[in-house]
């Protein structure tokens, strides 16, 4: 018999919090950890889980969040909670967007930047094993004010109780609610419609559905994630703590895979940084999003890379900057104070110091002298510069795009090149030198005489 089909999944991501404790004009969920917004991290996790439909609940006072969701998922993925009346009310705001959906719904938060698909998958495993409602918990080192998960026989979750309302025995329970759950769409929205607001804040709390589900005869179970995976980032301090956890874990993973880091605590990685075993990263290197480094490459100290590829055996830095679209070929050298943007650099080519290469290509074995500039922008549009294989670009050359330098050609130092250069030619684009004998001596005498008057 063919294997059973995987139940269809959807996700509701809660992103309507005010974020007042962040004390920033930027909405909380648009703050970044490892170069990725917390909102995008939550969406990425939902997509990795195979959620066919994703709805993000946003607040009416956060248009920037709505814009980001619409750009990523489409306007139909935006659900507005207005006014904000609690977490259960927030999930209900997604009901219309999920009309007609009859699979499992994951409810998760957009302010837990370290939460991964692997942490959430056990919720669906509980559903597959017969739980009608699956709740995600964790066991914090300091339970403090977290809501406690009270279980009964056979691991059934009976209720979630706030710490301030718990007895001493209940406060001793280690399991706390993390804020994520999974349930069938129909049952979830039915339970949510029965949540009341008879509490001090007159809000509708998502945790109330545990008791409601139990009262209906449903099976409610809990699974647990590591504390570090579910910690929220509600303040700048918590945001920095999440960043530190990510960086420590990512560095350890790369070193375990064979990447050499002489001072790993000084290297900063992005959520998608790829560095192959056998590569080496010196101190104080920053990797922005979209970087791939192949085996044998060396990234020297104080370099900054984003949106680029570094091929096998290439040498980058120190103090180099690779911007989006840079593709550095095998065994090529990009040295100190060289900036490369949207340029494909061929195998073994060298730009060892003080150059800007923007838009175009550099052929294999070419040598780019110090002070070379690809003049790629006229104030309105960008143009390409193509430097052929085996060329020699003299120091302080300005290559005014669009322009092509043929294979094996030379440009004289200090030249401004405005026209294509044929292969194996020498191009000179500078004024003829003129010497004026005795001029310096006469100038100094004149300046001294002026001081005496």
Foldseek 3Di string as FASTA:
>chain_A
DDDDDQWAEEEEEEQADQLVQQVDPARQQQDDFQQGGLQVLVVVQCVVLVHPYYAYEYEPVHVVVCVVCCVVPNNLNYFYQPPAFEDLSSVLSCLVSCPPPFTKYKYYYSFQSQAHNVLVVVQVVVVVVAAQKEFEKAFDPPCPQFWAFDADPPQFTQATHTPVPDDPVRVPHRIGGLGMMMHTSVLSSVLSVPFFQPDPRSGGYSRVSSNVCVVVVGGYHYDYDYPLRRDGCSYPVSSVVNNQVVQVVVLVVQVVQAEAEPCSVQERGHPPEAEHHQEYEYGNEYEHPQEHEYHQEYAYHCEYEYQEYHYHNEYEEDCEYEYRLEYEEHNEYHYHCEYEENEYEEAHEYDHEAEYHYAEYAEHQEYAAHQEYAQQDPPPGGAYEYEYACEYEAHNEYEDPPEYEEACEYEHHNADHDYYHYHNYYHHHDDDDDDDPPPVVVVVVVVVVVVVD
